[in-house]
């Protein structure tokens, strides 16, 4: 099966959210760039670790002189998932987070 890549250079939105009632929720990451939207399913623990690691990464690169906000954007407001019903593109198996120093941006890679 050919590998599909969904690349969002500078998404309009990158949000996490849930659908369902506590105890039977499905967790999503969603990226949107204009009318292009990709929603992927993640486990609750993956989402918690992503938030923790992003916070650590931003703190570290800020200490090294990068121009990043003091208050992470995901803590400034509650954002809802963009579309419902959600059509999951894939279920995330592994994720990687990388700081691109040249672009001063974070790269989040999610793989099935």
PDB file of N, CA and C in Angstrom:
ATOM      1  N   UNK A   1       0.841  -1.171   0.000  1.00  0.00           N
ATOM      2  CA  UNK A   1       0.000   0.000   0.000  1.00  0.00           C
ATOM      3  C   UNK A   1       0.893   1.242   0.000  1.00  0.00           C
ATOM      4  N   UNK A   2       0.594   2.192  -0.856  1.00  0.00           N
ATOM      5  CA  UNK A   2       1.375   3.423  -0.948  1.00  0.00           C
ATOM      6  C   UNK A   2       1.122   4.294   0.277  1.00  0.00           C
ATOM      7  N   UNK A   3       2.169   4.926   0.728  1.00  0.00           N
ATOM      8  CA  UNK A   3       2.073   5.814   1.871  1.00  0.00           C
ATOM      9  C   UNK A   3       1.544   7.170   1.428  1.00  0.00           C
ATOM     10  N   UNK A   4       0.564   7.703   2.135  1.00  0.00           N
ATOM     11  CA  UNK A   4       0.029   9.033   1.842  1.00  0.00           C
ATOM     12  C   UNK A   4       0.584  10.008   2.866  1.00  0.00           C
ATOM     13  N   UNK A   5       0.962  11.178   2.411  1.00  0.00           N
ATOM     14  CA  UNK A   5       1.504  12.206   3.292  1.00  0.00           C
ATOM     15  C   UNK A   5       0.577  13.416   3.250  1.00  0.00           C
ATOM     16  N   UNK A   6       0.190  13.903   4.420  1.00  0.00           N
ATOM     17  CA  UNK A   6      -0.630  15.100   4.553  1.00  0.00           C
ATOM     18  C   UNK A   6       0.253  16.146   5.209  1.00  0.00           C
ATOM     19  N   UNK A   7       0.715  17.099   4.434  1.00  0.00           N
ATOM     20  CA  UNK A   7       1.653  18.092   4.926  1.00  0.00           C
ATOM     21  C   UNK A   7       0.956  19.433   5.106  1.00  0.00           C
ATOM     22  N   UNK A   8       1.050  19.983   6.292  1.00  0.00           N
ATOM     23  CA  UNK A   8       0.486  21.290   6.598  1.00  0.00           C
ATOM     24  C   UNK A   8       1.646  22.196   7.008  1.00  0.00           C
ATOM     25  N   UNK A   9       2.141  22.996   6.069  1.00  0.00           N
ATOM     26  CA  UNK A   9       3.288  23.875   6.337  1.00  0.00           C
ATOM     27  C   UNK A   9       2.979  24.889   7.437  1.00  0.00           C
ATOM     28  N   UNK A  10       1.845  25.517   7.345  1.00  0.00           N
ATOM     29  CA  UNK A  10       1.454  26.539   8.307  1.00  0.00           C
ATOM     30  C   UNK A  10      -0.067  26.487   8.449  1.00  0.00           C
ATOM     31  N   UNK A  11      -0.575  25.501   9.211  1.00  0.00           N
ATOM     32  CA  UNK A  11      -2.021  25.305   9.257  1.00  0.00           C
ATOM     33  C   UNK A  11      -2.749  26.487   9.894  1.00  0.00           C
ATOM     34  N   UNK A  12      -3.995  26.693   9.441  1.00  0.00           N
ATOM     35  CA  UNK A  12      -4.852  27.701  10.063  1.00  0.00           C
ATOM     36  C   UNK A  12      -5.166  27.294  11.504  1.00  0.00           C
ATOM     37  N   UNK A  13      -5.348  25.997  11.679  1.00  0.00           N
ATOM     38  CA  UNK A  13      -5.663  25.454  13.009  1.00  0.00           C
ATOM     39  C   UNK A  13      -5.001  24.097  13.184  1.00  0.00           C
ATOM     40  N   UNK A  14      -4.623  23.821  14.419  1.00  0.00           N
ATOM     41  CA  UNK A  14      -4.134  22.504  14.814  1.00  0.00           C
ATOM     42  C   UNK A  14      -4.713  22.287  16.202  1.00  0.00           C
ATOM     43  N   UNK A  15      -5.749  21.455  16.293  1.00  0.00           N
ATOM     44  CA  UNK A  15      -6.481  21.313  17.553  1.00  0.00           C
ATOM     45  C   UNK A  15      -6.640  19.851  17.937  1.00  0.00           C
ATOM     46  N   UNK A  16      -6.893  19.659  19.217  1.00  0.00           N
ATOM     47  CA  UNK A  16      -7.238  18.347  19.752  1.00  0.00           C
ATOM     48  C   UNK A  16      -8.655  18.442  20.287  1.00  0.00           C
ATOM     49  N   UNK A  17      -9.383  17.358  20.205  1.00  0.00           N
ATOM     50  CA  UNK A  17     -10.743  17.363  20.714  1.00  0.00           C
ATOM     51  C   UNK A  17     -11.271  15.963  20.884  1.00  0.00           C
ATOM     52  N   UNK A  18     -12.463  15.893  21.429  1.00  0.00           N
ATOM     53  CA  UNK A  18     -13.091  14.599  21.681  1.00  0.00           C
ATOM     54  C   UNK A  18     -14.503  14.576  21.113  1.00  0.00           C
ATOM     55  N   UNK A  19     -14.973  13.368  20.888  1.00  0.00           N
ATOM     56  CA  UNK A  19     -16.360  13.133  20.501  1.00  0.00           C
ATOM     57  C   UNK A  19     -16.857  12.004  21.387  1.00  0.00           C
ATOM     58  N   UNK A  20     -18.022  12.171  21.963  1.00  0.00           N
ATOM     59  CA  UNK A  20     -18.595  11.125  22.800  1.00  0.00           C
ATOM     60  C   UNK A  20     -18.623  11.502  24.264  1.00  0.00           C
ATOM     61  N   UNK A  21     -19.199  10.616  25.041  1.00  0.00           N
ATOM     62  CA  UNK A  21     -19.353  10.822  26.480  1.00  0.00           C
ATOM     63  C   UNK A  21     -18.144  10.265  27.226  1.00  0.00           C
ATOM     64  N   UNK A  22     -17.833  10.816  28.407  1.00  0.00           N
ATOM     65  CA  UNK A  22     -16.731  10.281  29.213  1.00  0.00           C
ATOM     66  C   UNK A  22     -16.863   8.770  29.381  1.00  0.00           C
ATOM     67  N   UNK A  23     -15.765   8.102  29.206  1.00  0.00           N
ATOM     68  CA  UNK A  23     -15.746   6.647  29.289  1.00  0.00           C
ATOM     69  C   UNK A  23     -15.855   5.975  27.933  1.00  0.00           C
ATOM     70  N   UNK A  24     -16.393   6.699  26.947  1.00  0.00           N
ATOM     71  CA  UNK A  24     -16.470   6.136  25.596  1.00  0.00           C
ATOM     72  C   UNK A  24     -16.134   7.206  24.551  1.00  0.00           C
ATOM     73  N   UNK A  25     -15.203   8.068  24.901  1.00  0.00           N
ATOM     74  CA  UNK A  25     -14.799   9.147  23.996  1.00  0.00           C
ATOM     75  C   UNK A  25     -13.798   8.658  22.963  1.00  0.00           C
ATOM     76  N   UNK A  26     -13.817   9.337  21.831  1.00  0.00           N
ATOM     77  CA  UNK A  26     -12.786   9.166  20.813  1.00  0.00           C
ATOM     78  C   UNK A  26     -12.012  10.475  20.763  1.00  0.00           C
ATOM     79  N   UNK A  27     -10.687  10.378  20.789  1.00  0.00           N
ATOM     80  CA  UNK A  27      -9.815  11.550  20.813  1.00  0.00           C
ATOM     81  C   UNK A  27      -9.250  11.792  19.413  1.00  0.00           C
ATOM     82  N   UNK A  28      -9.220  13.048  19.021  1.00  0.00           N
ATOM     83  CA  UNK A  28      -8.768  13.427  17.684  1.00  0.00           C
ATOM     84  C   UNK A  28      -7.721  14.528  17.735  1.00  0.00           C
ATOM     85  N   UNK A  29      -6.851  14.522  16.733  1.00  0.00           N
ATOM     86  CA  UNK A  29      -6.045  15.679  16.356  1.00  0.00           C
ATOM     87  C   UNK A  29      -6.561  16.101  15.004  1.00  0.00           C
ATOM     88  N   UNK A  30      -6.637  17.401  14.790  1.00  0.00           N
ATOM     89  CA  UNK A  30      -7.175  17.885  13.527  1.00  0.00           C
ATOM     90  C   UNK A  30      -6.354  19.070  13.048  1.00  0.00           C
ATOM     91  N   UNK A  31      -5.985  19.034  11.780  1.00  0.00           N
ATOM     92  CA  UNK A  31      -5.262  20.149  11.144  1.00  0.00           C
ATOM     93  C   UNK A  31      -6.128  20.680  10.017  1.00  0.00           C
ATOM     94  N   UNK A  32      -6.131  22.010   9.882  1.00  0.00           N
ATOM     95  CA  UNK A  32      -6.909  22.635   8.809  1.00  0.00           C
ATOM     96  C   UNK A  32      -6.061  23.703   8.141  1.00  0.00           C
ATOM     97  N   UNK A  33      -6.100  23.689   6.832  1.00  0.00           N
ATOM     98  CA  UNK A  33      -5.461  24.720   6.019  1.00  0.00           C
ATOM     99  C   UNK A  33      -6.461  25.084   4.933  1.00  0.00           C
ATOM    100  N   UNK A  34      -7.139  26.209   5.110  1.00  0.00           N
ATOM    101  CA  UNK A  34      -8.201  26.577   4.170  1.00  0.00           C
ATOM    102  C   UNK A  34      -9.328  25.571   4.247  1.00  0.00           C
ATOM    103  N   UNK A  35      -9.681  24.984   3.127  1.00  0.00           N
ATOM    104  CA  UNK A  35     -10.764  24.000   3.102  1.00  0.00           C
ATOM    105  C   UNK A  35     -10.249  22.575   3.297  1.00  0.00           C
ATOM    106  N   UNK A  36      -8.947  22.404   3.384  1.00  0.00           N
ATOM    107  CA  UNK A  36      -8.359  21.065   3.567  1.00  0.00           C
ATOM    108  C   UNK A  36      -8.288  20.745   5.055  1.00  0.00           C
ATOM    109  N   UNK A  37      -8.937  19.656   5.455  1.00  0.00           N
ATOM    110  CA  UNK A  37      -8.993  19.248   6.852  1.00  0.00           C
ATOM    111  C   UNK A  37      -8.606  17.784   6.958  1.00  0.00           C
ATOM    112  N   UNK A  38      -7.726  17.478   7.906  1.00  0.00           N
ATOM    113  CA  UNK A  38      -7.364  16.090   8.182  1.00  0.00           C
ATOM    114  C   UNK A  38      -7.586  15.846   9.669  1.00  0.00           C
ATOM    115  N   UNK A  39      -8.335  14.790   9.981  1.00  0.00           N
ATOM    116  CA  UNK A  39      -8.612  14.394  11.358  1.00  0.00           C
ATOM    117  C   UNK A  39      -8.050  12.999  11.570  1.00  0.00           C
ATOM    118  N   UNK A  40      -7.280  12.837  12.636  1.00  0.00           N
ATOM    119  CA  UNK A  40      -6.722  11.525  12.961  1.00  0.00           C
ATOM    120  C   UNK A  40      -7.110  11.161  14.386  1.00  0.00           C
ATOM    121  N   UNK A  41      -7.310   9.882  14.616  1.00  0.00           N
ATOM    122  CA  UNK A  41      -7.676   9.384  15.935  1.00  0.00           C
ATOM    123  C   UNK A  41      -6.406   9.100  16.724  1.00  0.00           C
ATOM    124  N   UNK A  42      -6.396   9.556  17.979  1.00  0.00           N
ATOM    125  CA  UNK A  42      -5.278   9.295  18.884  1.00  0.00           C
ATOM    126  C   UNK A  42      -5.828   8.710  20.178  1.00  0.00           C
ATOM    127  N   UNK A  43      -4.955   8.058  20.912  1.00  0.00           N
ATOM    128  CA  UNK A  43      -5.325   7.567  22.236  1.00  0.00           C
ATOM    129  C   UNK A  43      -5.214   8.717  23.236  1.00  0.00           C
ATOM    130  N   UNK A  44      -5.969   8.631  24.304  1.00  0.00           N
ATOM    131  CA  UNK A  44      -5.960   9.666  25.341  1.00  0.00           C
ATOM    132  C   UNK A  44      -4.548   9.912  25.866  1.00  0.00           C
ATOM    133  N   UNK A  45      -3.811   8.857  26.098  1.00  0.00           N
ATOM    134  CA  UNK A  45      -2.450   9.005  26.627  1.00  0.00           C
ATOM    135  C   UNK A  45      -1.531   9.662  25.596  1.00  0.00           C
ATOM    136  N   UNK A  46      -1.724   9.370  24.310  1.00  0.00           N
ATOM    137  CA  UNK A  46      -0.922  10.023  23.269  1.00  0.00           C
ATOM    138  C   UNK A  46      -1.162  11.527  23.277  1.00  0.00           C
ATOM    139  N   UNK A  47      -2.410  11.920  23.442  1.00  0.00           N
ATOM    140  CA  UNK A  47      -2.750  13.331  23.465  1.00  0.00           C
ATOM    141  C   UNK A  47      -2.158  14.021  24.685  1.00  0.00           C
ATOM    142  N   UNK A  48      -2.225  13.378  25.827  1.00  0.00           N
ATOM    143  CA  UNK A  48      -1.648  13.938  27.050  1.00  0.00           C
ATOM    144  C   UNK A  48      -0.134  14.095  26.910  1.00  0.00           C
ATOM    145  N   UNK A  49       0.519  13.079  26.358  1.00  0.00           N
ATOM    146  CA  UNK A  49       1.968  13.156  26.164  1.00  0.00           C
ATOM    147  C   UNK A  49       2.348  14.217  25.133  1.00  0.00           C
ATOM    148  N   UNK A  50       1.550  14.368  24.083  1.00  0.00           N
ATOM    149  CA  UNK A  50       1.818  15.396  23.088  1.00  0.00           C
ATOM    150  C   UNK A  50       1.787  16.780  23.737  1.00  0.00           C
ATOM    151  N   UNK A  51       0.774  17.060  24.530  1.00  0.00           N
ATOM    152  CA  UNK A  51       0.677  18.357  25.205  1.00  0.00           C
ATOM    153  C   UNK A  51       1.857  18.575  26.143  1.00  0.00           C
ATOM    154  N   UNK A  52       2.227  17.548  26.895  1.00  0.00           N
ATOM    155  CA  UNK A  52       3.355  17.639  27.826  1.00  0.00           C
ATOM    156  C   UNK A  52       4.664  17.896  27.087  1.00  0.00           C
ATOM    157  N   UNK A  53       4.909  17.150  26.027  1.00  0.00           N
ATOM    158  CA  UNK A  53       6.161  17.286  25.269  1.00  0.00           C
ATOM    159  C   UNK A  53       6.234  18.620  24.524  1.00  0.00           C
ATOM    160  N   UNK A  54       5.091  19.086  24.000  1.00  0.00           N
ATOM    161  CA  UNK A  54       5.084  20.387  23.332  1.00  0.00           C
ATOM    162  C   UNK A  54       5.428  21.504  24.316  1.00  0.00           C
ATOM    163  N   UNK A  55       4.885  21.414  25.520  1.00  0.00           N
ATOM    164  CA  UNK A  55       5.189  22.403  26.551  1.00  0.00           C
ATOM    165  C   UNK A  55       6.677  22.378  26.893  1.00  0.00           C
ATOM    166  N   UNK A  56       7.240  21.192  27.064  1.00  0.00           N
ATOM    167  CA  UNK A  56       8.671  21.056  27.368  1.00  0.00           C
ATOM    168  C   UNK A  56       9.526  21.593  26.227  1.00  0.00           C
ATOM    169  N   UNK A  57       9.158  21.257  24.999  1.00  0.00           N
ATOM    170  CA  UNK A  57       9.924  21.694  23.834  1.00  0.00           C
ATOM    171  C   UNK A  57       9.917  23.209  23.715  1.00  0.00           C
ATOM    172  N   UNK A  58       8.752  23.822  23.859  1.00  0.00           N
ATOM    173  CA  UNK A  58       8.661  25.278  23.766  1.00  0.00           C
ATOM    174  C   UNK A  58       9.472  25.959  24.860  1.00  0.00           C
ATOM    175  N   UNK A  59       9.452  25.417  26.063  1.00  0.00           N
ATOM    176  CA  UNK A  59      10.244  25.975  27.161  1.00  0.00           C
ATOM    177  C   UNK A  59      11.731  25.896  26.840  1.00  0.00           C
ATOM    178  N   UNK A  60      12.157  24.754  26.336  1.00  0.00           N
ATOM    179  CA  UNK A  60      13.572  24.554  26.013  1.00  0.00           C
ATOM    180  C   UNK A  60      14.046  25.482  24.901  1.00  0.00           C
ATOM    181  N   UNK A  61      13.289  25.582  23.826  1.00  0.00           N
ATOM    182  CA  UNK A  61      13.750  26.416  22.709  1.00  0.00           C
ATOM    183  C   UNK A  61      13.656  27.902  23.060  1.00  0.00           C
ATOM    184  N   UNK A  62      12.713  28.270  23.923  1.00  0.00           N
ATOM    185  CA  UNK A  62      12.631  29.656  24.385  1.00  0.00           C
ATOM    186  C   UNK A  62      13.885  30.005  25.185  1.00  0.00           C
ATOM    187  N   UNK A  63      14.321  29.077  26.035  1.00  0.00           N
ATOM    188  CA  UNK A  63      15.530  29.285  26.835  1.00  0.00           C
ATOM    189  C   UNK A  63      16.774  29.398  25.961  1.00  0.00           C
ATOM    190  N   UNK A  64      16.728  28.807  24.781  1.00  0.00           N
ATOM    191  CA  UNK A  64      17.852  28.889  23.837  1.00  0.00           C
ATOM    192  C   UNK A  64      17.769  30.107  22.928  1.00  0.00           C
ATOM    193  N   UNK A  65      16.749  30.955  23.140  1.00  0.00           N
ATOM    194  CA  UNK A  65      16.666  32.199  22.397  1.00  0.00           C
ATOM    195  C   UNK A  65      15.668  32.250  21.257  1.00  0.00           C
ATOM    196  N   UNK A  66      14.893  31.194  21.055  1.00  0.00           N
ATOM    197  CA  UNK A  66      13.896  31.212  19.979  1.00  0.00           C
ATOM    198  C   UNK A  66      12.736  32.126  20.371  1.00  0.00           C
ATOM    199  N   UNK A  67      12.125  32.727  19.384  1.00  0.00           N
ATOM    200  CA  UNK A  67      11.006  33.634  19.609  1.00  0.00           C
ATOM    201  C   UNK A  67       9.699  32.848  19.604  1.00  0.00           C
ATOM    202  N   UNK A  68       9.339  32.309  20.770  1.00  0.00           N
ATOM    203  CA  UNK A  68       8.085  31.565  20.907  1.00  0.00           C
ATOM    204  C   UNK A  68       7.278  32.181  22.042  1.00  0.00           C
ATOM    205  N   UNK A  69       5.960  32.089  21.978  1.00  0.00           N
ATOM    206  CA  UNK A  69       5.124  32.708  23.011  1.00  0.00           C
ATOM    207  C   UNK A  69       5.324  32.084  24.381  1.00  0.00           C
ATOM    208  N   UNK A  70       5.188  32.887  25.426  1.00  0.00           N
ATOM    209  CA  UNK A  70       5.307  32.379  26.799  1.00  0.00           C
ATOM    210  C   UNK A  70       4.144  31.471  27.155  1.00  0.00           C
ATOM    211  N   UNK A  71       2.954  31.849  26.711  1.00  0.00           N
ATOM    212  CA  UNK A  71       1.761  31.058  27.010  1.00  0.00           C
ATOM    213  C   UNK A  71       1.410  30.251  25.774  1.00  0.00           C
ATOM    214  N   UNK A  72       1.494  28.907  25.849  1.00  0.00           N
ATOM    215  CA  UNK A  72       1.183  28.097  24.671  1.00  0.00           C
ATOM    216  C   UNK A  72      -0.222  28.394  24.148  1.00  0.00           C
ATOM    217  N   UNK A  73      -0.379  28.497  22.823  1.00  0.00           N
ATOM    218  CA  UNK A  73      -1.685  28.828  22.236  1.00  0.00           C
ATOM    219  C   UNK A  73      -2.793  27.880  22.634  1.00  0.00           C
ATOM    220  N   UNK A  74      -2.476  26.607  22.880  1.00  0.00           N
ATOM    221  CA  UNK A  74      -3.533  25.657  23.190  1.00  0.00           C
ATOM    222  C   UNK A  74      -4.099  25.888  24.586  1.00  0.00           C
ATOM    223  N   UNK A  75      -3.489  26.745  25.384  1.00  0.00           N
ATOM    224  CA  UNK A  75      -4.019  27.029  26.713  1.00  0.00           C
ATOM    225  C   UNK A  75      -4.753  28.363  26.773  1.00  0.00           C
ATOM    226  N   UNK A  76      -4.784  29.103  25.701  1.00  0.00           N
ATOM    227  CA  UNK A  76      -5.405  30.421  25.731  1.00  0.00           C
ATOM    228  C   UNK A  76      -6.896  30.378  25.448  1.00  0.00           C
ATOM    229  N   UNK A  77      -7.360  29.366  24.771  1.00  0.00           N
ATOM    230  CA  UNK A  77      -8.789  29.289  24.482  1.00  0.00           C
ATOM    231  C   UNK A  77      -9.171  27.859  24.141  1.00  0.00           C
ATOM    232  N   UNK A  78     -10.436  27.596  24.282  1.00  0.00           N
ATOM    233  CA  UNK A  78     -10.958  26.277  23.920  1.00  0.00           C
ATOM    234  C   UNK A  78     -11.380  26.332  22.459  1.00  0.00           C
ATOM    235  N   UNK A  79     -10.894  25.402  21.678  1.00  0.00           N
ATOM    236  CA  UNK A  79     -11.268  25.319  20.261  1.00  0.00           C
ATOM    237  C   UNK A  79     -11.971  23.996  20.031  1.00  0.00           C
ATOM    238  N   UNK A  80     -13.012  24.054  19.269  1.00  0.00           N
ATOM    239  CA  UNK A  80     -13.742  22.838  18.937  1.00  0.00           C
ATOM    240  C   UNK A  80     -13.195  22.244  17.646  1.00  0.00           C
ATOM    241  N   UNK A  81     -13.426  20.947  17.488  1.00  0.00           N
ATOM    242  CA  UNK A  81     -13.076  20.304  16.230  1.00  0.00           C
ATOM    243  C   UNK A  81     -13.861  20.979  15.116  1.00  0.00           C
ATOM    244  N   UNK A  82     -13.290  21.033  13.947  1.00  0.00           N
ATOM    245  CA  UNK A  82     -13.855  21.823  12.862  1.00  0.00           C
ATOM    246  C   UNK A  82     -15.110  21.223  12.242  1.00  0.00           C
ATOM    247  N   UNK A  83     -15.109  19.943  11.961  1.00  0.00           N
ATOM    248  CA  UNK A  83     -16.261  19.358  11.278  1.00  0.00           C
ATOM    249  C   UNK A  83     -16.804  18.164  12.038  1.00  0.00           C
ATOM    250  N   UNK A  84     -18.088  18.001  11.956  1.00  0.00           N
ATOM    251  CA  UNK A  84     -18.743  16.826  12.516  1.00  0.00           C
ATOM    252  C   UNK A  84     -19.821  16.433  11.537  1.00  0.00           C
ATOM    253  N   UNK A  85     -20.060  15.162  11.243  1.00  0.00           N
ATOM    254  CA  UNK A  85     -19.308  14.052  11.822  1.00  0.00           C
ATOM    255  C   UNK A  85     -17.879  14.018  11.293  1.00  0.00           C
ATOM    256  N   UNK A  86     -17.004  13.490  12.104  1.00  0.00           N
ATOM    257  CA  UNK A  86     -15.590  13.419  11.736  1.00  0.00           C
ATOM    258  C   UNK A  86     -15.324  12.175  10.911  1.00  0.00           C
ATOM    259  N   UNK A  87     -14.540  12.344   9.889  1.00  0.00           N
ATOM    260  CA  UNK A  87     -14.081  11.214   9.085  1.00  0.00           C
ATOM    261  C   UNK A  87     -12.602  11.056   9.358  1.00  0.00           C
ATOM    262  N   UNK A  88     -12.273  10.041  10.148  1.00  0.00           N
ATOM    263  CA  UNK A  88     -10.863   9.855  10.494  1.00  0.00           C
ATOM    264  C   UNK A  88     -10.078   9.422   9.274  1.00  0.00           C
ATOM    265  N   UNK A  89      -8.913  10.053   9.098  1.00  0.00           N
ATOM    266  CA  UNK A  89      -8.029   9.713   7.998  1.00  0.00           C
ATOM    267  C   UNK A  89      -7.265   8.433   8.331  1.00  0.00           C
ATOM    268  N   UNK A  90      -6.829   8.325   9.581  1.00  0.00           N
ATOM    269  CA  UNK A  90      -6.187   7.112  10.081  1.00  0.00           C
ATOM    270  C   UNK A  90      -6.107   7.186  11.592  1.00  0.00           C
ATOM    271  N   UNK A  91      -5.758   6.054  12.190  1.00  0.00           N
ATOM    272  CA  UNK A  91      -5.539   5.971  13.639  1.00  0.00           C
ATOM    273  C   UNK A  91      -4.032   6.061  13.864  1.00  0.00           C
ATOM    274  N   UNK A  92      -3.617   6.966  14.732  1.00  0.00           N
ATOM    275  CA  UNK A  92      -2.197   7.206  14.966  1.00  0.00           C
ATOM    276  C   UNK A  92      -1.591   6.062  15.776  1.00  0.00           C
ATOM    277  N   UNK A  93      -0.458   5.574  15.267  1.00  0.00           N
ATOM    278  CA  UNK A  93       0.311   4.566  15.989  1.00  0.00           C
ATOM    279  C   UNK A  93       1.485   5.204  16.707  1.00  0.00           C
ATOM    280  N   UNK A  94       2.249   6.009  15.973  1.00  0.00           N
ATOM    281  CA  UNK A  94       3.406   6.685  16.563  1.00  0.00           C
ATOM    282  C   UNK A  94       3.401   8.158  16.173  1.00  0.00           C
ATOM    283  N   UNK A  95       4.001   8.955  17.048  1.00  0.00           N
ATOM    284  CA  UNK A  95       4.138  10.382  16.788  1.00  0.00           C
ATOM    285  C   UNK A  95       5.565  10.808  17.096  1.00  0.00           C
ATOM    286  N   UNK A  96       6.000  11.837  16.380  1.00  0.00           N
ATOM    287  CA  UNK A  96       7.300  12.450  16.647  1.00  0.00           C
ATOM    288  C   UNK A  96       7.100  13.960  16.656  1.00  0.00           C
ATOM    289  N   UNK A  97       7.871  14.625  17.491  1.00  0.00           N
ATOM    290  CA  UNK A  97       7.831  16.086  17.581  1.00  0.00           C
ATOM    291  C   UNK A  97       9.255  16.580  17.395  1.00  0.00           C
ATOM    292  N   UNK A  98       9.419  17.540  16.478  1.00  0.00           N
ATOM    293  CA  UNK A  98      10.750  18.049  16.151  1.00  0.00           C
ATOM    294  C   UNK A  98      10.701  19.572  16.101  1.00  0.00           C
ATOM    295  N   UNK A  99      11.761  20.216  16.567  1.00  0.00           N
ATOM    296  CA  UNK A  99      11.905  21.664  16.430  1.00  0.00           C
ATOM    297  C   UNK A  99      12.741  21.945  15.186  1.00  0.00           C
ATOM    298  N   UNK A 100      12.201  22.716  14.258  1.00  0.00           N
ATOM    299  CA  UNK A 100      12.919  23.143  13.060  1.00  0.00           C
ATOM    300  C   UNK A 100      13.478  24.523  13.354  1.00  0.00           C
ATOM    301  N   UNK A 101      14.754  24.575  13.702  1.00  0.00           N
ATOM    302  CA  UNK A 101      15.394  25.830  14.089  1.00  0.00           C
ATOM    303  C   UNK A 101      15.476  26.836  12.970  1.00  0.00           C
ATOM    304  N   UNK A 102      15.633  26.381  11.733  1.00  0.00           N
ATOM    305  CA  UNK A 102      15.718  27.297  10.595  1.00  0.00           C
ATOM    306  C   UNK A 102      14.397  28.048  10.403  1.00  0.00           C
ATOM    307  N   UNK A 103      13.302  27.352  10.546  1.00  0.00           N
ATOM    308  CA  UNK A 103      11.976  27.945  10.349  1.00  0.00           C
ATOM    309  C   UNK A 103      11.351  28.442  11.656  1.00  0.00           C
ATOM    310  N   UNK A 104      12.009  28.109  12.785  1.00  0.00           N
ATOM    311  CA  UNK A 104      11.446  28.375  14.101  1.00  0.00           C
ATOM    312  C   UNK A 104      10.009  27.878  14.182  1.00  0.00           C
ATOM    313  N   UNK A 105       9.869  26.593  13.901  1.00  0.00           N
ATOM    314  CA  UNK A 105       8.542  25.982  13.929  1.00  0.00           C
ATOM    315  C   UNK A 105       8.634  24.564  14.484  1.00  0.00           C
ATOM    316  N   UNK A 106       7.500  24.074  14.913  1.00  0.00           N
ATOM    317  CA  UNK A 106       7.405  22.713  15.418  1.00  0.00           C
ATOM    318  C   UNK A 106       6.817  21.834  14.338  1.00  0.00           C
ATOM    319  N   UNK A 107       7.414  20.663  14.182  1.00  0.00           N
ATOM    320  CA  UNK A 107       6.908  19.667  13.245  1.00  0.00           C
ATOM    321  C   UNK A 107       6.335  18.525  14.070  1.00  0.00           C
ATOM    322  N   UNK A 108       5.067  18.220  13.858  1.00  0.00           N
ATOM    323  CA  UNK A 108       4.429  17.070  14.506  1.00  0.00           C
ATOM    324  C   UNK A 108       4.162  16.060  13.410  1.00  0.00           C
ATOM    325  N   UNK A 109       4.751  14.890  13.564  1.00  0.00           N
ATOM    326  CA  UNK A 109       4.566  13.816  12.583  1.00  0.00           C
ATOM    327  C   UNK A 109       3.781  12.697  13.228  1.00  0.00           C
ATOM    328  N   UNK A 110       2.678  12.336  12.596  1.00  0.00           N
ATOM    329  CA  UNK A 110       1.838  11.238  13.085  1.00  0.00           C
ATOM    330  C   UNK A 110       1.785  10.158  12.029  1.00  0.00           C
ATOM    331  N   UNK A 111       2.024   8.927  12.447  1.00  0.00           N
ATOM    332  CA  UNK A 111       2.000   7.788  11.523  1.00  0.00           C
ATOM    333  C   UNK A 111       1.001   6.755  11.992  1.00  0.00           C
ATOM    334  N   UNK A 112       0.402   6.077  11.003  1.00  0.00           N
ATOM    335  CA  UNK A 112      -0.565   5.021  11.317  1.00  0.00           C
ATOM    336  C   UNK A 112       0.132   3.838  11.960  1.00  0.00           C
TER     337      UNK A 112
END
